[in-house]
Structures are given as structure tokens and as C-alpha cells.
Amino acid sequence: MKPVLVINSGSSSLKYQLIDVGSGVLAKGLIEEIGSDAARLRHSGREPDTRPAKDHDAALAWMLQVLGGLDGLLAVGHRVVHGGTRYTAPTVIDAAVEAGIEELSPLAPLHNPVNLAGIRALRTQLPDVPQVAVFDTAFHATIPAVAATYALPLDVAAEYGVRRYGFHGTSCQYVTRRTGEYLGAENLIICHLGNGASATAVSGGRSVDTSMGLSPLEGLVMGTRSGDLDPALPFHLIRAGLDPAEVETILTSRSGLRGLAGASDMREVRAKADAGDAAARLAREIYAYRIRKYVGAYLAVVPGVQALVFTAGVGENDAPLRAEVCGSLAHLGIELDDDANRAAVGPSEPVTIGSGAVPVVVVPTDEESEIAAQAAAAVLS
């Protein structure tokens, strides 16, 4: 099969992978500090490089120069954060889809516009290659109304598109399939724990609830996002004199681990906690406590849970945190094997770390390969 180029555009970064869907990754890289005179490129098999890259057009041109020889591409798969209720499957991009992604930007103002910048640049630079949007929200389109509907006036919710959409769907879809292959399980609780973090309830291989909602702000404590809080809190801060934009910045960029411990990277928070920093220790306790609450809730939502799954950067690598989450859940059938848990740091394949009534597994996620597979399927269907 011809290769697929996978693009993940951030506000000032660009991740990319060239993937043969049959055999795996052919090349990958990351461009950071886009918009500066000293953008940095790290590409597999090359020394790091620095040059000006004023925008995503320039960064993508740099990427294409490094990759070279892309005449045989099957497709370009773009990660797009928000598809609303409009896009619930991988979608070949044309002018109408491009406009639709832009129209959904108010629901994901930090993400969709930069995702769209990558799409527009590559539609110009690779005009003969099909471009496919793979939406983070798509896997959660199966969430039933009882879980997706907020208790707001129905006319207000309809007019402004307010409902639970959920995110990390591409990761959850991949992890659901891999866990099914590994355990034959399709009733799961998935804890995707990275800089962004979410819990998802999966029944019969389909998402039925998830902790993120209208935006990626709701739910678990994250690197810089607050997660769940009293809805009155923003109004309290605004009445106290803060500008609404300041409040949004506080909740999305200055909260979570950064707000509690002064660092957004869990590795740094863990090091500080191990060194005796009380704030960092409390931050990890709060982080784990919030996960336990969602696990308990989803055990009630999904009948016959067959596995609790940890994935993503923190979930795959932080054994002490997994122990903290699971340590008080034995009465619910969740028990870790301490030795197996300690050994499961960055595994390359699924591994079982607890075999109580509800098995606990670590399943490495691979959003890029999932995007490549979905993009290829969309083009070949």
C-alpha cells in the first residue's frame, strides 16, 4: 500500500509521520516554535535543525523538503479536534468540509483553526493528494442523549451547539481495538492520561460516556487545565474584576498540575513530590483522586466492565500513579499486581498489571497509526 502522511498541527508546532499502513512508520518528525525566526526541526535519522518558519505554510514546506519524494502518497491524514455532530467519520476534505471545520472553530478555538492551517497549506502544496480529516470527537458520536445532554434550556443548547462531544476519540478507538485483540474485551474504562487527560466508558466497543464535554476542559485534572469545577466559579472571578479572557486563560493554561504544583509535566511533578515538595505531592493525590471518581462512576455506567485500561504518556509510564489510582478499589474488583505494575513502564505491547474481577491493563496508544488507517480507508472506500 502507498504511504499516508499524518499531520497534527498545534498552535506553534507540527508533528508528522509518514506511515505505511501495512508495515509501520517510515519517518517522523516535529517542528516547534513555528512563527519565530528560530523554529526547530527534529526528524528521525537527522541532526536537529533551526531556521525561520513564520507560519504553518513555511513549516510544512520545510517538512516536505526534509521528507522528499512524496509523489506516491495515498493520502494525507489530518488530526482535527472538533467535528461537532456534523463529522462522525473520517472525511475526505473539499472546500465544503474545509468551511465546515472553520464553522466549528467556536467550539474548539484553540485547536480547529490551527488544524485548519495545516489542511489549507497542504491542500495547496500537495493539490493532487487526497486530504482526509480524522476527528477527535468522532468515536464519541455514539454517546447516548442521556449522557450527552446538559441540563440547560433545550433551545439554548440547540442554538449554540451545547452538548457533550468528548475528545481523545482517535486514541480511544485505537485502544479499544487493541484491547479487544488482546483480551477479547469490549466493555472498558479507558484512562487516557497525558498532558490532556480523559476517562471514557466503552460498552460493546462503543463510547457511551466520557469525561471531556463541550470542550477538552471538563473532567480530569490535566497538565494545565482545571478539569471539573463549580460552573459558578468563572462568574465569581469575573465579578471579582477579572476579564473573561483572563478567566479562560487561568482555566485552560494556568490550572491543573501547573496551578497546583508549578509544573505541567507529570514527570517533573513526580520528581518534586519524591523530593518532598508538599504541593506536588498533593497535586498527584488530587490527580489520582479525580481518576478514581470517574472509574467508580463508569463501573456503574458500563455493565460487566471487562478491563480498566491505562494509556498515553502518564498512563503508560507512571507506575506509582497507577498504583495510587487503583490502590483503594479492591472492593470493586480492581487489584494490581505490584511487580507487574512496576515492570510495565513504556511497554510496546499491551500488558496485564492486575487480574482481579476487573483486569487492569496498560495499552500503548498510537493515534498516528489510527489516523493513517482511517485516512487510507476513507480514500479506498
Protein backbone atom coordinates (compact mmCIF):
# COMPACT_ATOMS: atom_id res chain seq x y z
CA MET A 1 0.00 0.00 0.00
CA LYS A 2 1.14 3.54 -0.68
CA PRO A 3 2.14 5.53 2.44
CA VAL A 4 -0.03 8.00 4.30
CA LEU A 5 1.33 11.27 5.71
CA VAL A 6 -0.18 12.04 9.12
CA ILE A 7 -0.28 15.67 10.25
CA ASN A 8 -1.01 17.02 13.74
CA SER A 9 -0.90 20.82 13.71
CA GLY A 10 -0.60 22.68 17.01
CA SER A 11 -0.64 26.41 17.65
CA SER A 12 3.15 26.67 17.31
CA SER A 13 4.13 23.11 16.47
CA LEU A 14 3.74 20.49 13.78
CA LYS A 15 4.02 16.74 14.35
CA TYR A 16 4.17 14.47 11.34
CA GLN A 17 4.65 10.81 10.49
CA LEU A 18 4.96 9.02 7.18
CA ILE A 19 3.29 5.65 7.69
CA ASP A 20 2.94 2.55 5.57
CA VAL A 21 -0.35 1.16 6.88
CA GLY A 22 0.90 -2.37 6.34
CA SER A 23 4.42 -2.13 7.72
CA GLY A 24 4.61 0.88 10.06
CA VAL A 25 6.41 4.20 10.43
CA LEU A 26 8.78 5.20 7.63
CA ALA A 27 9.75 8.62 9.02
CA LYS A 28 8.59 11.08 11.64
CA GLY A 29 9.41 14.49 12.98
CA LEU A 30 8.42 17.56 14.95
CA ILE A 31 8.74 21.25 14.16
CA GLU A 32 8.47 23.59 17.16
CA GLU A 33 8.41 27.37 17.66
CA ILE A 34 6.52 28.00 14.42
CA GLY A 35 6.11 31.74 13.97
CA SER A 36 9.63 32.54 15.08
CA ASP A 37 12.98 33.10 13.44
CA ALA A 38 14.36 30.06 15.23
CA ALA A 39 11.90 27.24 14.57
CA ARG A 40 13.37 23.82 15.42
CA LEU A 41 13.00 20.62 13.42
CA ARG A 42 13.70 17.18 14.82
CA HIS A 43 13.41 14.44 12.21
CA SER A 44 14.19 10.74 12.51
CA GLY A 45 17.70 10.00 11.32
CA ARG A 46 18.80 13.66 11.06
CA GLU A 47 20.54 16.14 13.28
CA PRO A 48 18.20 18.81 14.73
CA ASP A 49 17.93 21.91 12.55
CA THR A 50 16.89 25.54 13.11
CA ARG A 51 15.57 28.08 10.64
CA PRO A 52 12.86 30.76 10.36
CA ALA A 53 9.30 29.46 9.89
CA LYS A 54 6.85 32.34 10.04
CA ASP A 55 3.71 30.20 9.71
CA HIS A 56 2.39 26.68 9.08
CA ASP A 57 2.85 27.10 5.32
CA ALA A 58 6.57 27.60 5.87
CA ALA A 59 6.78 24.74 8.38
CA LEU A 60 5.02 22.32 6.05
CA ALA A 61 7.23 23.35 3.13
CA TRP A 62 10.24 22.60 5.37
CA MET A 63 8.74 19.22 6.27
CA LEU A 64 8.16 18.34 2.61
CA GLN A 65 11.73 19.32 1.78
CA VAL A 66 13.05 17.01 4.52
CA LEU A 67 10.78 14.12 3.57
CA GLY A 68 11.28 14.49 -0.19
CA GLY A 69 9.86 12.08 -2.79
CA LEU A 70 6.21 12.11 -1.76
CA ASP A 71 4.80 11.60 -5.25
CA GLY A 72 3.41 8.20 -4.28
CA LEU A 73 1.32 9.28 -1.29
CA LEU A 74 -2.04 7.59 -0.91
CA ALA A 75 -3.41 10.37 1.33
CA VAL A 76 -2.68 12.96 3.97
CA GLY A 77 -4.50 12.32 7.25
CA HIS A 78 -5.10 15.40 9.41
CA ARG A 79 -5.96 15.29 13.09
CA VAL A 80 -8.87 17.68 13.63
CA VAL A 81 -10.01 18.17 17.20
CA HIS A 82 -13.69 19.08 16.78
CA GLY A 83 -16.16 17.70 14.26
CA GLY A 84 -19.29 18.56 16.22
CA THR A 85 -22.28 16.42 15.25
CA ARG A 86 -21.55 17.08 11.58
CA TYR A 87 -18.48 14.89 11.11
CA THR A 88 -18.63 11.49 12.78
CA ALA A 89 -16.31 9.54 10.46
CA PRO A 90 -13.05 10.19 8.59
CA THR A 91 -13.92 12.65 5.84
CA VAL A 92 -12.21 13.45 2.54
CA ILE A 93 -11.64 17.20 2.56
CA ASP A 94 -13.04 19.50 -0.09
CA ALA A 95 -13.92 23.20 0.05
CA ALA A 96 -17.21 22.47 1.84
CA VAL A 97 -15.54 20.34 4.53
CA GLU A 98 -12.86 22.97 4.99
CA ALA A 99 -15.59 25.57 5.53
CA GLY A 100 -17.37 23.23 7.93
CA ILE A 101 -14.27 22.79 10.08
CA GLU A 102 -13.92 26.57 10.20
CA GLU A 103 -17.57 26.96 11.23
CA LEU A 104 -16.93 24.60 14.14
CA SER A 105 -13.97 26.66 15.40
CA PRO A 106 -16.04 28.43 18.11
CA LEU A 107 -16.36 25.00 19.77
CA ALA A 108 -12.56 24.47 19.71
CA PRO A 109 -10.99 27.93 19.31
CA LEU A 110 -7.53 26.77 20.42
CA HIS A 111 -7.44 23.75 18.11
CA ASN A 112 -9.58 23.82 14.96
CA PRO A 113 -8.03 26.99 13.49
CA VAL A 114 -4.50 25.55 13.66
CA ASN A 115 -5.70 22.16 12.39
CA LEU A 116 -7.25 24.06 9.50
CA ALA A 117 -4.00 25.94 8.84
CA GLY A 118 -2.26 22.62 8.20
CA ILE A 119 -5.08 21.44 5.95
CA ARG A 120 -5.06 24.59 3.84
CA ALA A 121 -1.31 24.61 3.49
CA LEU A 122 -1.10 21.01 2.31
CA ARG A 123 -4.12 21.27 0.02
CA THR A 124 -2.11 24.00 -1.71
CA GLN A 125 1.28 22.26 -1.61
CA LEU A 126 0.00 18.75 -2.46
CA PRO A 127 -3.07 19.52 -4.60
CA ASP A 128 -3.27 16.07 -6.20
CA VAL A 129 -3.15 14.08 -2.95
CA PRO A 130 -6.46 13.36 -1.14
CA GLN A 131 -6.63 15.07 2.24
CA VAL A 132 -8.65 13.35 4.98
CA ALA A 133 -9.85 14.83 8.27
CA VAL A 134 -9.91 12.42 11.23
CA PHE A 135 -11.87 13.95 14.09
CA ASP A 136 -11.09 13.55 17.80
CA THR A 137 -14.80 13.75 18.57
CA ALA A 138 -15.95 11.08 16.09
CA PHE A 139 -15.56 7.99 18.31
CA HIS A 140 -17.82 9.63 20.90
CA ALA A 141 -20.70 10.22 18.46
CA THR A 142 -22.29 7.06 19.91
CA ILE A 143 -22.73 8.60 23.38
CA PRO A 144 -26.49 8.44 24.12
CA ALA A 145 -28.54 11.54 24.77
CA VAL A 146 -28.82 10.75 28.47
CA ALA A 147 -25.04 11.20 28.81
CA ALA A 148 -24.53 13.86 26.13
CA THR A 149 -27.23 16.31 27.21
CA TYR A 150 -26.53 19.06 29.73
CA ALA A 151 -29.47 20.22 31.89
CA LEU A 152 -29.82 23.54 30.07
CA PRO A 153 -32.83 25.02 28.24
CA LEU A 154 -33.13 22.85 25.15
CA ASP A 155 -33.48 25.85 22.84
CA VAL A 156 -30.27 27.39 24.17
CA ALA A 157 -28.37 24.12 23.79
CA ALA A 158 -29.64 23.67 20.23
CA GLU A 159 -28.89 27.24 19.15
CA TYR A 160 -25.31 27.20 20.42
CA GLY A 161 -24.41 23.55 19.82
CA VAL A 162 -24.02 22.77 23.51
CA ARG A 163 -23.67 19.07 24.37
CA ARG A 164 -21.04 16.56 25.46
CA TYR A 165 -18.81 15.88 22.47
CA GLY A 166 -15.79 14.21 24.05
CA PHE A 167 -12.20 14.16 22.82
CA HIS A 168 -9.23 11.77 22.60
CA GLY A 169 -11.57 9.70 20.43
CA THR A 170 -8.89 8.61 17.97
CA SER A 171 -6.76 7.26 20.82
CA CYS A 172 -9.77 5.60 22.44
CA GLN A 173 -10.77 3.94 19.17
CA TYR A 174 -7.27 2.53 18.71
CA VAL A 175 -7.04 1.38 22.34
CA THR A 176 -10.50 -0.20 22.20
CA ARG A 177 -9.50 -2.27 19.18
CA ARG A 178 -6.11 -3.28 20.66
CA THR A 179 -7.68 -4.26 23.99
CA GLY A 180 -10.23 -6.33 22.10
CA GLU A 181 -7.45 -8.12 20.26
CA TYR A 182 -5.50 -8.66 23.49
CA LEU A 183 -8.26 -9.68 25.90
CA GLY A 184 -11.33 -10.21 23.77
CA ALA A 185 -12.86 -7.43 25.86
CA GLU A 186 -15.25 -4.77 24.59
CA ASN A 187 -16.63 -3.31 27.86
CA LEU A 188 -13.89 -1.00 29.08
CA ILE A 189 -12.94 2.03 31.14
CA ILE A 190 -10.13 3.83 29.33
CA CYS A 191 -7.94 6.32 31.19
CA HIS A 192 -6.07 8.38 28.58
CA LEU A 193 -3.58 10.22 30.76
CA GLY A 194 -1.22 12.71 29.16
CA ASN A 195 -0.91 16.48 29.24
CA GLY A 196 -4.59 16.29 28.38
CA ALA A 197 -6.45 13.59 30.29
CA SER A 198 -9.81 11.89 29.97
CA ALA A 199 -11.74 8.82 31.07
CA THR A 200 -14.07 7.04 28.67
CA ALA A 201 -16.72 4.38 29.25
CA VAL A 202 -16.92 1.84 26.41
CA SER A 203 -19.75 -0.68 26.12
CA GLY A 204 -19.81 -3.20 23.31
CA GLY A 205 -16.83 -1.44 21.72
CA ARG A 206 -18.72 1.89 21.54
CA SER A 207 -18.22 5.04 23.58
CA VAL A 208 -21.15 5.61 25.95
CA ASP A 209 -19.73 8.37 28.17
CA THR A 210 -16.55 10.38 28.54
CA SER A 211 -15.19 12.94 30.97
CA MET A 212 -14.45 15.72 28.47
CA GLY A 213 -17.53 17.58 27.33
CA LEU A 214 -18.32 20.59 25.18
CA SER A 215 -14.60 21.33 25.26
CA PRO A 216 -11.46 19.49 26.41
CA LEU A 217 -11.61 21.46 29.71
CA GLU A 218 -14.11 19.29 31.57
CA GLY A 219 -13.29 16.18 33.56
CA LEU A 220 -9.95 15.04 34.94
CA VAL A 221 -7.13 17.23 36.24
CA MET A 222 -4.69 17.85 33.36
CA GLY A 223 -1.33 19.44 32.74
CA THR A 224 -2.65 22.99 32.53
CA ARG A 225 -6.46 22.55 32.54
CA SER A 226 -8.58 22.55 35.67
CA GLY A 227 -10.99 19.77 34.76
CA ASP A 228 -14.27 19.71 36.69
CA LEU A 229 -15.16 22.75 38.76
CA ASP A 230 -18.21 24.63 40.01
CA PRO A 231 -19.83 26.32 36.98
CA ALA A 232 -20.26 29.44 39.09
CA LEU A 233 -16.50 29.84 39.55
CA PRO A 234 -15.89 31.80 36.31
CA PHE A 235 -18.71 34.21 37.19
CA HIS A 236 -17.24 34.67 40.67
CA LEU A 237 -13.85 35.59 39.19
CA ILE A 238 -15.41 37.95 36.65
CA ARG A 239 -17.44 39.71 39.34
CA ALA A 240 -14.21 40.00 41.33
CA GLY A 241 -12.75 42.04 38.47
CA LEU A 242 -11.06 39.59 36.10
CA ASP A 243 -11.67 39.88 32.37
CA PRO A 244 -13.44 36.85 30.79
CA ALA A 245 -10.36 36.23 28.63
CA GLU A 246 -8.20 36.18 31.77
CA VAL A 247 -10.52 33.62 33.35
CA GLU A 248 -10.32 31.41 30.27
CA THR A 249 -6.52 31.62 30.34
CA ILE A 250 -6.48 30.68 34.03
CA LEU A 251 -8.68 27.63 33.50
CA THR A 252 -7.04 26.35 30.32
CA SER A 253 -3.38 27.37 30.68
CA ARG A 254 -2.58 28.10 34.34
CA SER A 255 -4.55 25.43 36.20
CA GLY A 256 -4.27 21.67 36.56
CA LEU A 257 -0.84 20.42 37.60
CA ARG A 258 0.72 23.75 36.70
CA GLY A 259 -1.60 25.61 39.04
CA LEU A 260 -1.27 23.09 41.87
CA ALA A 261 2.42 22.21 41.65
CA GLY A 262 4.07 24.82 39.45
CA ALA A 263 4.83 22.32 36.67
CA SER A 264 2.61 20.89 33.93
CA ASP A 265 4.73 17.83 33.13
CA MET A 266 3.86 14.92 35.40
CA ARG A 267 7.48 13.72 35.34
CA GLU A 268 8.56 17.00 36.90
CA VAL A 269 5.69 16.94 39.38
CA ARG A 270 6.63 13.41 40.39
CA ALA A 271 10.29 14.39 40.87
CA LYS A 272 9.25 17.33 43.03
CA ALA A 273 6.92 15.14 45.07
CA ASP A 274 9.63 12.49 45.56
CA ALA A 275 11.95 15.29 46.76
CA GLY A 276 9.45 16.24 49.47
CA ASP A 277 7.51 19.08 47.81
CA ALA A 278 4.15 19.07 49.62
CA ALA A 279 2.30 20.94 46.86
CA ALA A 280 3.50 18.48 44.23
CA ARG A 281 2.53 15.54 46.42
CA LEU A 282 -0.95 16.98 46.88
CA ALA A 283 -1.23 17.63 43.13
CA ARG A 284 -0.57 13.93 42.39
CA GLU A 285 -3.09 12.90 45.04
CA ILE A 286 -5.76 15.18 43.53
CA TYR A 287 -4.94 13.93 40.03
CA ALA A 288 -5.34 10.29 41.11
CA TYR A 289 -8.44 11.01 43.21
CA ARG A 290 -10.26 12.56 40.25
CA ILE A 291 -9.46 9.50 38.12
CA ARG A 292 -10.78 7.17 40.85
CA LYS A 293 -14.06 9.10 40.96
CA TYR A 294 -14.57 8.63 37.23
CA VAL A 295 -13.59 4.96 37.34
CA GLY A 296 -16.16 4.41 40.08
CA ALA A 297 -18.82 6.27 38.11
CA TYR A 298 -18.14 4.33 34.92
CA LEU A 299 -18.25 0.99 36.73
CA ALA A 300 -21.87 1.95 37.36
CA VAL A 301 -22.42 3.04 33.75
CA VAL A 302 -20.94 0.03 31.91
CA PRO A 303 -22.45 -3.34 32.87
CA GLY A 304 -19.85 -6.06 33.13
CA VAL A 305 -16.66 -4.00 32.77
CA GLN A 306 -14.00 -6.34 31.35
CA ALA A 307 -10.91 -4.14 31.75
CA LEU A 308 -9.59 -0.91 33.20
CA VAL A 309 -7.12 0.45 30.63
CA PHE A 310 -4.30 2.94 31.19
CA THR A 311 -2.84 4.64 28.12
CA ALA A 312 -0.94 7.73 26.85
CA GLY A 313 2.21 9.28 28.31
CA VAL A 314 1.34 9.28 32.01
CA GLY A 315 -0.87 6.21 31.87
CA GLU A 316 1.78 4.12 30.15
CA ASN A 317 4.79 5.26 32.18
CA ASP A 318 3.84 6.29 35.72
CA ALA A 319 3.53 3.06 37.69
CA PRO A 320 3.24 4.79 41.11
CA LEU A 321 0.32 6.85 39.84
CA ARG A 322 -1.47 3.74 38.56
CA ALA A 323 -0.96 2.22 41.99
CA GLU A 324 -2.38 5.35 43.62
CA VAL A 325 -5.47 5.21 41.38
CA CYS A 326 -6.14 1.51 41.91
CA GLY A 327 -4.94 1.12 45.50
CA SER A 328 -8.32 1.69 47.15
CA LEU A 329 -10.51 -0.02 44.52
CA ALA A 330 -10.10 -3.65 45.61
CA HIS A 331 -13.70 -3.70 46.85
CA LEU A 332 -14.73 -3.02 43.25
CA GLY A 333 -12.70 -5.91 41.86
CA ILE A 334 -9.69 -3.81 40.79
CA GLU A 335 -6.42 -5.14 42.20
CA LEU A 336 -2.91 -4.51 40.88
CA ASP A 337 -0.04 -6.95 40.78
CA ASP A 338 2.67 -4.73 42.25
CA ASP A 339 5.55 -6.40 40.42
CA ALA A 340 3.75 -6.39 37.07
CA ASN A 341 2.77 -2.76 37.54
CA ARG A 342 6.32 -1.65 38.36
CA ALA A 343 7.64 -3.53 35.32
CA ALA A 344 5.11 -2.00 32.93
CA VAL A 345 6.85 1.26 32.12
CA GLY A 346 6.56 2.29 28.48
CA PRO A 347 5.57 -1.14 27.17
CA SER A 348 5.50 -1.62 23.41
CA GLU A 349 2.58 -4.06 23.57
CA PRO A 350 -0.47 -4.45 25.85
CA VAL A 351 0.39 -5.89 29.25
CA THR A 352 -1.74 -7.00 32.20
CA ILE A 353 -0.87 -5.42 35.54
CA GLY A 354 -3.84 -6.61 37.60
CA SER A 355 -6.06 -9.67 37.31
CA GLY A 356 -8.88 -9.18 39.77
CA ALA A 357 -12.53 -9.32 38.77
CA VAL A 358 -11.77 -6.33 36.52
CA PRO A 359 -8.40 -6.87 34.81
CA VAL A 360 -6.10 -3.83 34.68
CA VAL A 361 -4.02 -3.40 31.53
CA VAL A 362 -1.61 -0.91 30.03
CA VAL A 363 -2.19 -0.47 26.30
CA PRO A 364 0.18 1.82 24.38
CA THR A 365 -1.79 4.20 22.20
CA ASP A 366 -0.90 5.09 18.63
CA GLU A 367 -3.09 7.90 17.34
CA GLU A 368 -0.93 8.40 14.26
CA SER A 369 -1.35 4.84 13.02
CA GLU A 370 -5.09 5.08 13.69
CA ILE A 371 -5.29 8.30 11.66
CA ALA A 372 -3.30 6.67 8.85
CA ALA A 373 -5.57 3.62 8.80
CA GLN A 374 -8.74 5.73 8.84
CA ALA A 375 -7.42 8.05 6.12
CA ALA A 376 -6.49 5.10 3.93
CA ALA A 377 -9.91 3.50 4.45
CA ALA A 378 -11.68 6.77 3.58
CA VAL A 379 -9.74 7.12 0.32
CA LEU A 380 -10.07 3.48 -0.72
CA SER A 381 -13.74 3.03 0.18
